[in-house]
Every structure is written in structure tokens, then in C-alpha cells.
């Protein structure tokens, strides 16, 4: 089940408006099947125009998942935070729980915050630049809420956040031709 609203002025290169969604997934129980879990996520993005064809975007995303009926949450339904759509500067799943061998195991909770400032880089080529700040991570049930702010990895406290720059090339036909970004880890592993 999902609910959403979208008032952005452009789906691919918004300067104004918002995009909001809530998603709920349920498996097992009265539906049958081999797995039994529920997963819910909520996301909200807000865009504000600034001077000289620039815009600022604020985004937040939260997620929670758990097994039910004496079943565990399948690995492929866990949250793997890190990468271009979550916390840039980290690889997929790297901004979340690791096992003793440093393998990415995903989390059953996710919390992400992003701020982006977009600006014209090469207007005639429809290339825009972006400066960003990302913060967030996935973590597991049993962690206290404070674990997002202060997490321990073998005795070292860390936060997971990055800043960086990037560019986006739009075709003008509702398709993104290319997207690239580079993040610098401010705090984290």
C-alpha cells in the first residue's frame, strides 16, 4: 500500500514544490507464503527557488521493518544505506550495520537527511551542479534512538555524514542522461 503527493514543478529538475510518500508492505500471516514481515517507509522532499536559477532541497526519509509470526526479516528486505540516493560518499550498504568480518548486513531501521543546492553549471547543455550535505544510516532493532547520533564500532564513536558536489545532465525530455557526484566523509567510518 502506498500513498503520495507530488507538487513539484518538474519531476526531474524541480525548483519548487514537494514530494511526499508513505509505503507499507506486509507479507505472510493471513496471506500465506514463506516469509512473514512488514516494512514501512516515509519520505518527504521540499524544494524552494532561490535567486539566479538556483534552488535548495530538504529531504528526510525514515523506515522500519520487522519479521512477525516467529519469522525473521529477510536479508533482501533490510535497509542498505549508502550511495547516490541515500548517503553519497558511502557505497551501497556501507552506512549501516556490518558483521564481525565487515560485511554489510543491512538494518531494520533507516534514517536519512539530505540538503541540496542546485545551480546552473552549463545552461546551454542543460547541465546543473549540485552541492549537498547528506546524513543518515541504517541500524538494527534493539538500538536506542540515540544510536543514530552516537554509534559505536569497536569502541569508536561516529556519525555518518557527507558533503560534496555533483552534476546532472537532463535531456529536456523527462529523462536524466547522466548523474555523477562525489562525497567527502565528514564523520563516519
C-alpha atoms as a PDB file:
ATOM      1  CA  UNK A   1       0.000   0.000   0.000  1.00  0.00           C
ATOM      2  CA  UNK A   2       1.344   3.436  -0.818  1.00  0.00           C
ATOM      3  CA  UNK A   3       0.127   6.996  -0.566  1.00  0.00           C
ATOM      4  CA  UNK A   4       1.810  10.002  -2.077  1.00  0.00           C
ATOM      5  CA  UNK A   5       1.524  13.570  -3.196  1.00  0.00           C
ATOM      6  CA  UNK A   6       3.694  15.469  -5.654  1.00  0.00           C
ATOM      7  CA  UNK A   7       3.504  19.216  -6.274  1.00  0.00           C
ATOM      8  CA  UNK A   8       6.975  19.646  -7.834  1.00  0.00           C
ATOM      9  CA  UNK A   9       7.168  21.948 -10.830  1.00  0.00           C
ATOM     10  CA  UNK A  10       9.337  19.399 -12.694  1.00  0.00           C
ATOM     11  CA  UNK A  11       9.834  15.716 -11.855  1.00  0.00           C
ATOM     12  CA  UNK A  12      13.498  15.546 -12.903  1.00  0.00           C
ATOM     13  CA  UNK A  13      14.774  19.037 -12.163  1.00  0.00           C
ATOM     14  CA  UNK A  14      12.461  20.594  -9.563  1.00  0.00           C
ATOM     15  CA  UNK A  15      12.896  24.122  -8.277  1.00  0.00           C
ATOM     16  CA  UNK A  16       9.683  24.412  -6.283  1.00  0.00           C
ATOM     17  CA  UNK A  17       7.099  22.216  -4.569  1.00  0.00           C
ATOM     18  CA  UNK A  18       7.216  18.992  -2.588  1.00  0.00           C
ATOM     19  CA  UNK A  19       7.079  15.224  -2.965  1.00  0.00           C
ATOM     20  CA  UNK A  20       5.776  13.104  -0.081  1.00  0.00           C
ATOM     21  CA  UNK A  21       5.136   9.379   0.224  1.00  0.00           C
ATOM     22  CA  UNK A  22       4.283   6.648   2.703  1.00  0.00           C
ATOM     23  CA  UNK A  23       4.720   2.983   1.800  1.00  0.00           C
ATOM     24  CA  UNK A  24       3.611  -0.111   3.714  1.00  0.00           C
ATOM     25  CA  UNK A  25       4.385  -3.718   2.782  1.00  0.00           C
ATOM     26  CA  UNK A  26       3.038  -6.823   4.516  1.00  0.00           C
ATOM     27  CA  UNK A  27       3.939 -10.461   3.811  1.00  0.00           C
ATOM     28  CA  UNK A  28       2.940 -13.751   5.428  1.00  0.00           C
ATOM     29  CA  UNK A  29       0.350 -14.194   8.143  1.00  0.00           C
ATOM     30  CA  UNK A  30      -3.136 -14.485   6.638  1.00  0.00           C
ATOM     31  CA  UNK A  31      -1.588 -14.006   3.163  1.00  0.00           C
ATOM     32  CA  UNK A  32       0.481 -17.197   3.468  1.00  0.00           C
ATOM     33  CA  UNK A  33       3.919 -17.641   1.946  1.00  0.00           C
ATOM     34  CA  UNK A  34       7.384 -18.492   3.235  1.00  0.00           C
ATOM     35  CA  UNK A  35       8.179 -15.041   4.648  1.00  0.00           C
ATOM     36  CA  UNK A  36       6.381 -13.052   7.320  1.00  0.00           C
ATOM     37  CA  UNK A  37       7.354  -9.393   7.709  1.00  0.00           C
ATOM     38  CA  UNK A  38       6.139  -5.828   7.466  1.00  0.00           C
ATOM     39  CA  UNK A  39       8.041  -2.819   6.181  1.00  0.00           C
ATOM     40  CA  UNK A  40       7.094   0.833   6.184  1.00  0.00           C
ATOM     41  CA  UNK A  41       8.879   3.906   4.854  1.00  0.00           C
ATOM     42  CA  UNK A  42       8.076   7.577   4.695  1.00  0.00           C
ATOM     43  CA  UNK A  43       9.848  10.228   2.643  1.00  0.00           C
ATOM     44  CA  UNK A  44       9.386  13.958   2.195  1.00  0.00           C
ATOM     45  CA  UNK A  45      11.252  16.352  -0.124  1.00  0.00           C
ATOM     46  CA  UNK A  46      10.732  20.117  -0.212  1.00  0.00           C
ATOM     47  CA  UNK A  47      12.100  22.428  -2.935  1.00  0.00           C
ATOM     48  CA  UNK A  48      12.479  26.187  -2.679  1.00  0.00           C
ATOM     49  CA  UNK A  49      13.560  28.509  -5.516  1.00  0.00           C
ATOM     50  CA  UNK A  50      16.375  30.968  -4.847  1.00  0.00           C
ATOM     51  CA  UNK A  51      17.975  33.693  -6.974  1.00  0.00           C
ATOM     52  CA  UNK A  52      19.788  33.145 -10.299  1.00  0.00           C
ATOM     53  CA  UNK A  53      18.005  29.871 -11.187  1.00  0.00           C
ATOM     54  CA  UNK A  54      19.231  28.128  -8.039  1.00  0.00           C
ATOM     55  CA  UNK A  55      17.122  26.045  -5.678  1.00  0.00           C
ATOM     56  CA  UNK A  56      17.509  24.358  -2.308  1.00  0.00           C
ATOM     57  CA  UNK A  57      16.018  20.987  -1.408  1.00  0.00           C
ATOM     58  CA  UNK A  58      15.471  19.424   2.024  1.00  0.00           C
ATOM     59  CA  UNK A  59      14.675  15.696   2.192  1.00  0.00           C
ATOM     60  CA  UNK A  60      14.012  13.280   5.025  1.00  0.00           C
ATOM     61  CA  UNK A  61      13.402   9.543   4.899  1.00  0.00           C
ATOM     62  CA  UNK A  62      12.582   7.104   7.673  1.00  0.00           C
ATOM     63  CA  UNK A  63      11.991   3.370   7.528  1.00  0.00           C
ATOM     64  CA  UNK A  64      11.217   0.452   9.812  1.00  0.00           C
ATOM     65  CA  UNK A  65      10.895  -3.271   9.074  1.00  0.00           C
ATOM     66  CA  UNK A  66      10.428  -6.387  11.207  1.00  0.00           C
ATOM     67  CA  UNK A  67       9.552 -10.037  10.939  1.00  0.00           C
ATOM     68  CA  UNK A  68       6.373 -11.385  12.515  1.00  0.00           C
ATOM     69  CA  UNK A  69       4.796 -14.776  13.287  1.00  0.00           C
ATOM     70  CA  UNK A  70       8.150 -16.097  14.593  1.00  0.00           C
ATOM     71  CA  UNK A  71       9.946 -15.298  11.313  1.00  0.00           C
ATOM     72  CA  UNK A  72      12.949 -13.035  10.816  1.00  0.00           C
ATOM     73  CA  UNK A  73      13.207 -10.175   8.357  1.00  0.00           C
ATOM     74  CA  UNK A  74      14.702 -11.487   5.082  1.00  0.00           C
ATOM     75  CA  UNK A  75      18.104 -10.001   4.200  1.00  0.00           C
ATOM     76  CA  UNK A  76      16.800  -8.596   0.897  1.00  0.00           C
ATOM     77  CA  UNK A  77      14.114  -6.577   2.750  1.00  0.00           C
ATOM     78  CA  UNK A  78      16.603  -4.877   5.111  1.00  0.00           C
ATOM     79  CA  UNK A  79      17.738  -1.264   4.630  1.00  0.00           C
ATOM     80  CA  UNK A  80      21.145  -0.847   2.976  1.00  0.00           C
ATOM     81  CA  UNK A  81      22.016   2.823   3.337  1.00  0.00           C
ATOM     82  CA  UNK A  82      24.782   4.406   1.296  1.00  0.00           C
ATOM     83  CA  UNK A  83      25.082   5.572  -2.291  1.00  0.00           C
ATOM     84  CA  UNK A  84      23.746   8.240  -4.609  1.00  0.00           C
ATOM     85  CA  UNK A  85      20.117   8.113  -3.428  1.00  0.00           C
ATOM     86  CA  UNK A  86      20.844   7.957   0.314  1.00  0.00           C
ATOM     87  CA  UNK A  87      24.234   8.985   1.777  1.00  0.00           C
ATOM     88  CA  UNK A  88      26.682   9.818  -1.008  1.00  0.00           C
ATOM     89  CA  UNK A  89      30.335   9.131  -0.290  1.00  0.00           C
ATOM     90  CA  UNK A  90      29.456   5.667   1.018  1.00  0.00           C
ATOM     91  CA  UNK A  91      28.963   2.560  -1.086  1.00  0.00           C
ATOM     92  CA  UNK A  92      25.651   0.708  -1.088  1.00  0.00           C
ATOM     93  CA  UNK A  93      25.052  -0.654   2.424  1.00  0.00           C
ATOM     94  CA  UNK A  94      28.245   0.838   3.839  1.00  0.00           C
ATOM     95  CA  UNK A  95      26.406   3.391   6.021  1.00  0.00           C
ATOM     96  CA  UNK A  96      24.811   0.702   8.128  1.00  0.00           C
ATOM     97  CA  UNK A  97      25.479  -2.361  10.252  1.00  0.00           C
ATOM     98  CA  UNK A  98      28.432  -4.597   9.468  1.00  0.00           C
ATOM     99  CA  UNK A  99      29.146  -8.047  10.831  1.00  0.00           C
ATOM    100  CA  UNK A 100      32.418  -9.049  12.529  1.00  0.00           C
ATOM    101  CA  UNK A 101      34.043  -9.547   9.108  1.00  0.00           C
ATOM    102  CA  UNK A 102      32.933  -6.056   7.958  1.00  0.00           C
ATOM    103  CA  UNK A 103      30.294  -7.483   5.591  1.00  0.00           C
ATOM    104  CA  UNK A 104      27.205  -5.324   5.037  1.00  0.00           C
ATOM    105  CA  UNK A 105      24.222  -6.894   6.771  1.00  0.00           C
ATOM    106  CA  UNK A 106      21.676  -4.078   6.488  1.00  0.00           C
ATOM    107  CA  UNK A 107      19.450  -2.714   9.193  1.00  0.00           C
ATOM    108  CA  UNK A 108      15.820  -2.913  10.140  1.00  0.00           C
ATOM    109  CA  UNK A 109      15.638   0.868  10.634  1.00  0.00           C
ATOM    110  CA  UNK A 110      16.754   3.715   8.399  1.00  0.00           C
ATOM    111  CA  UNK A 111      17.008   7.460   8.922  1.00  0.00           C
ATOM    112  CA  UNK A 112      18.300   9.797   6.194  1.00  0.00           C
ATOM    113  CA  UNK A 113      18.532  13.590   5.796  1.00  0.00           C
ATOM    114  CA  UNK A 114      19.698  15.422   2.658  1.00  0.00           C
ATOM    115  CA  UNK A 115      20.159  19.071   1.728  1.00  0.00           C
ATOM    116  CA  UNK A 116      20.976  20.027  -1.880  1.00  0.00           C
ATOM    117  CA  UNK A 117      21.721  23.360  -3.514  1.00  0.00           C
ATOM    118  CA  UNK A 118      21.306  23.120  -7.300  1.00  0.00           C
ATOM    119  CA  UNK A 119      22.621  25.736  -9.712  1.00  0.00           C
ATOM    120  CA  UNK A 120      23.203  26.163 -13.461  1.00  0.00           C
ATOM    121  CA  UNK A 121      26.623  24.823 -14.430  1.00  0.00           C
ATOM    122  CA  UNK A 122      26.449  24.778 -18.245  1.00  0.00           C
ATOM    123  CA  UNK A 123      22.916  26.023 -19.024  1.00  0.00           C
ATOM    124  CA  UNK A 124      23.111  25.572 -22.812  1.00  0.00           C
ATOM    125  CA  UNK A 125      23.950  21.875 -22.279  1.00  0.00           C
ATOM    126  CA  UNK A 126      21.268  21.534 -19.575  1.00  0.00           C
ATOM    127  CA  UNK A 127      23.910  20.583 -17.013  1.00  0.00           C
ATOM    128  CA  UNK A 128      23.262  21.661 -13.440  1.00  0.00           C
ATOM    129  CA  UNK A 129      25.604  21.473 -10.491  1.00  0.00           C
ATOM    130  CA  UNK A 130      24.691  20.358  -7.008  1.00  0.00           C
ATOM    131  CA  UNK A 131      26.329  20.949  -3.637  1.00  0.00           C
ATOM    132  CA  UNK A 132      24.985  18.641  -0.954  1.00  0.00           C
ATOM    133  CA  UNK A 133      25.059  17.535   2.649  1.00  0.00           C
ATOM    134  CA  UNK A 134      23.843  14.021   3.494  1.00  0.00           C
ATOM    135  CA  UNK A 135      23.444  12.405   6.897  1.00  0.00           C
ATOM    136  CA  UNK A 136      21.934   9.078   7.817  1.00  0.00           C
ATOM    137  CA  UNK A 137      22.371   5.390   8.329  1.00  0.00           C
ATOM    138  CA  UNK A 138      20.625   2.069   8.711  1.00  0.00           C
ATOM    139  CA  UNK A 139      20.641   0.401  12.120  1.00  0.00           C
ATOM    140  CA  UNK A 140      19.080  -2.585  13.856  1.00  0.00           C
ATOM    141  CA  UNK A 141      16.217  -3.193  16.245  1.00  0.00           C
ATOM    142  CA  UNK A 142      17.374  -3.138  19.837  1.00  0.00           C
ATOM    143  CA  UNK A 143      19.407   0.017  19.216  1.00  0.00           C
ATOM    144  CA  UNK A 144      18.335   3.013  21.220  1.00  0.00           C
ATOM    145  CA  UNK A 145      17.243   6.126  19.363  1.00  0.00           C
ATOM    146  CA  UNK A 146      20.493   7.768  20.398  1.00  0.00           C
ATOM    147  CA  UNK A 147      22.423   5.261  18.304  1.00  0.00           C
ATOM    148  CA  UNK A 148      21.701   7.399  15.244  1.00  0.00           C
ATOM    149  CA  UNK A 149      23.586  10.285  16.819  1.00  0.00           C
ATOM    150  CA  UNK A 150      26.319   8.294  18.503  1.00  0.00           C
ATOM    151  CA  UNK A 151      27.151   4.804  17.337  1.00  0.00           C
ATOM    152  CA  UNK A 152      29.932   2.526  18.432  1.00  0.00           C
ATOM    153  CA  UNK A 153      32.021   0.434  16.067  1.00  0.00           C
ATOM    154  CA  UNK A 154      34.692  -1.451  18.023  1.00  0.00           C
ATOM    155  CA  UNK A 155      34.914   1.336  20.602  1.00  0.00           C
ATOM    156  CA  UNK A 156      34.994   4.257  18.159  1.00  0.00           C
ATOM    157  CA  UNK A 157      32.081   6.693  18.192  1.00  0.00           C
ATOM    158  CA  UNK A 158      30.992   8.043  14.836  1.00  0.00           C
ATOM    159  CA  UNK A 159      28.269   9.831  12.948  1.00  0.00           C
ATOM    160  CA  UNK A 160      27.605   9.158   9.296  1.00  0.00           C
ATOM    161  CA  UNK A 161      27.515  12.291   7.181  1.00  0.00           C
ATOM    162  CA  UNK A 162      28.997  13.599   3.942  1.00  0.00           C
ATOM    163  CA  UNK A 163      29.146  16.697   1.836  1.00  0.00           C
ATOM    164  CA  UNK A 164      30.169  17.066  -1.771  1.00  0.00           C
ATOM    165  CA  UNK A 165      29.426  18.238  -5.271  1.00  0.00           C
ATOM    166  CA  UNK A 166      27.979  16.696  -8.389  1.00  0.00           C
ATOM    167  CA  UNK A 167      26.291  17.360 -11.706  1.00  0.00           C
ATOM    168  CA  UNK A 168      23.172  16.228 -13.533  1.00  0.00           C
ATOM    169  CA  UNK A 169      22.632  16.277 -17.309  1.00  0.00           C
ATOM    170  CA  UNK A 170      18.972  16.440 -18.355  1.00  0.00           C
ATOM    171  CA  UNK A 171      17.764  15.758 -21.883  1.00  0.00           C
ATOM    172  CA  UNK A 172      14.824  18.124 -21.560  1.00  0.00           C
ATOM    173  CA  UNK A 173      12.547  15.199 -22.467  1.00  0.00           C
ATOM    174  CA  UNK A 174      11.795  13.972 -18.938  1.00  0.00           C
ATOM    175  CA  UNK A 175      14.895  11.778 -18.810  1.00  0.00           C
ATOM    176  CA  UNK A 176      18.162  12.141 -16.945  1.00  0.00           C
ATOM    177  CA  UNK A 177      21.047  11.307 -19.268  1.00  0.00           C
ATOM    178  CA  UNK A 178      23.791  11.244 -16.645  1.00  0.00           C
ATOM    179  CA  UNK A 179      24.295  11.849 -12.958  1.00  0.00           C
ATOM    180  CA  UNK A 180      27.560  11.954 -11.051  1.00  0.00           C
ATOM    181  CA  UNK A 181      28.520  13.026  -7.555  1.00  0.00           C
ATOM    182  CA  UNK A 182      31.459  12.808  -5.219  1.00  0.00           C
ATOM    183  CA  UNK A 183      31.017  12.885  -1.468  1.00  0.00           C
ATOM    184  CA  UNK A 184      33.577  13.588   1.200  1.00  0.00           C
ATOM    185  CA  UNK A 185      33.059  11.850   4.521  1.00  0.00           C
ATOM    186  CA  UNK A 186      32.813  14.463   7.244  1.00  0.00           C
ATOM    187  CA  UNK A 187      32.248  11.958  10.032  1.00  0.00           C
ATOM    188  CA  UNK A 188      31.926   8.215   9.909  1.00  0.00           C
ATOM    189  CA  UNK A 189      33.759   5.012   9.216  1.00  0.00           C
END
